[in-house]
Protein backbone atom coordinates (compact mmCIF):
# COMPACT_ATOMS: atom_id res chain seq x y z
CA UNK A 1 -18.01 16.94 29.85
CA UNK A 2 -14.40 18.06 29.60
CA UNK A 3 -12.60 17.72 26.30
CA UNK A 4 -9.06 16.35 26.13
CA UNK A 5 -6.69 19.20 25.19
CA UNK A 6 -5.35 18.89 21.65
CA UNK A 7 -8.06 16.49 20.52
CA UNK A 8 -10.69 17.35 17.91
CA UNK A 9 -14.30 16.44 18.61
CA UNK A 10 -15.53 13.30 16.85
CA UNK A 11 -18.19 15.20 14.88
CA UNK A 12 -15.38 17.11 13.18
CA UNK A 13 -12.88 14.26 12.87
CA UNK A 14 -15.12 11.80 11.00
CA UNK A 15 -16.00 14.18 8.12
CA UNK A 16 -12.35 15.20 7.82
CA UNK A 17 -11.34 11.55 7.49
CA UNK A 18 -14.10 10.99 4.91
CA UNK A 19 -12.87 13.92 2.82
CA UNK A 20 -9.29 12.71 3.06
CA UNK A 21 -10.30 9.21 1.95
CA UNK A 22 -12.16 10.80 -0.99
CA UNK A 23 -8.97 12.62 -1.95
CA UNK A 24 -7.05 9.33 -1.81
CA UNK A 25 -9.58 7.57 -4.06
CA UNK A 26 -9.60 10.39 -6.61
CA UNK A 27 -5.81 10.63 -6.63
CA UNK A 28 -5.45 6.90 -7.18
CA UNK A 29 -7.89 7.04 -10.09
CA UNK A 30 -5.93 9.96 -11.53
CA UNK A 31 -2.67 8.06 -11.09
CA UNK A 32 -4.06 5.04 -12.95
CA UNK A 33 -5.45 7.23 -15.75
CA UNK A 34 -2.27 9.23 -16.26
CA UNK A 35 -0.17 6.09 -15.95
CA UNK A 36 -2.09 4.62 -18.88
CA UNK A 37 -1.65 7.84 -20.85
CA UNK A 38 2.11 7.60 -20.35
CA UNK A 39 4.55 9.68 -22.27
CA UNK A 40 6.41 12.74 -21.11
CA UNK A 41 3.36 14.20 -19.38
CA UNK A 42 1.48 11.15 -18.12
CA UNK A 43 4.25 9.49 -16.16
CA UNK A 44 5.22 12.51 -13.99
CA UNK A 45 1.58 13.36 -13.32
CA UNK A 46 0.86 9.74 -12.36
CA UNK A 47 3.83 9.74 -9.98
CA UNK A 48 2.71 13.04 -8.45
CA UNK A 49 -0.85 11.77 -7.96
CA UNK A 50 0.44 8.57 -6.37
CA UNK A 51 2.71 10.58 -4.06
CA UNK A 52 -0.14 12.82 -2.95
CA UNK A 53 -2.31 9.78 -2.29
CA UNK A 54 0.48 8.19 -0.25
CA UNK A 55 0.97 11.36 1.79
CA UNK A 56 -2.78 11.59 2.41
CA UNK A 57 -2.88 7.99 3.67
CA UNK A 58 0.11 8.60 5.95
CA UNK A 59 -1.50 11.77 7.30
CA UNK A 60 -4.71 9.87 7.98
CA UNK A 61 -2.90 7.04 9.76
CA UNK A 62 -0.73 9.31 11.91
CA UNK A 63 -3.70 11.46 12.88
CA UNK A 64 -5.85 8.43 13.64
CA UNK A 65 -3.08 7.01 15.81
CA UNK A 66 -2.74 10.34 17.64
CA UNK A 67 -6.51 10.62 18.05
CA UNK A 68 -6.76 7.11 19.52
CA UNK A 69 -3.79 7.62 21.87
CA UNK A 70 -5.22 10.90 23.18
CA UNK A 71 -8.60 9.26 23.68
CA UNK A 72 -7.30 6.58 26.02
CA UNK A 73 -8.01 7.98 29.48
CA UNK A 74 -7.32 5.37 32.17
CA UNK A 75 -9.18 7.42 34.80
CA UNK A 76 -12.57 7.23 33.06
CA UNK A 77 -13.41 3.74 34.33
CA UNK A 78 -12.86 4.69 37.99
CA UNK A 79 -15.52 7.40 38.18
CA UNK A 80 -18.99 6.66 39.45
CA UNK A 81 -21.60 8.03 37.06
């Protein structure tokens, strides 16, 4: 079974996505907490946590899009197995 160049195997991709989603959840919780704290420390930390969560979501979406586009091989359906 040949692997598509530039594509990670699924057994590695799924745990990476799970970890990244965990980072997003924790960052959002931190953003809410520090947003409630407020003040001169809470507001910048809340904004930073929200920005990191946003970047993590964008990274996940772009990588998922790339992973799906690389996985589409139109020649697979023509082969006799």
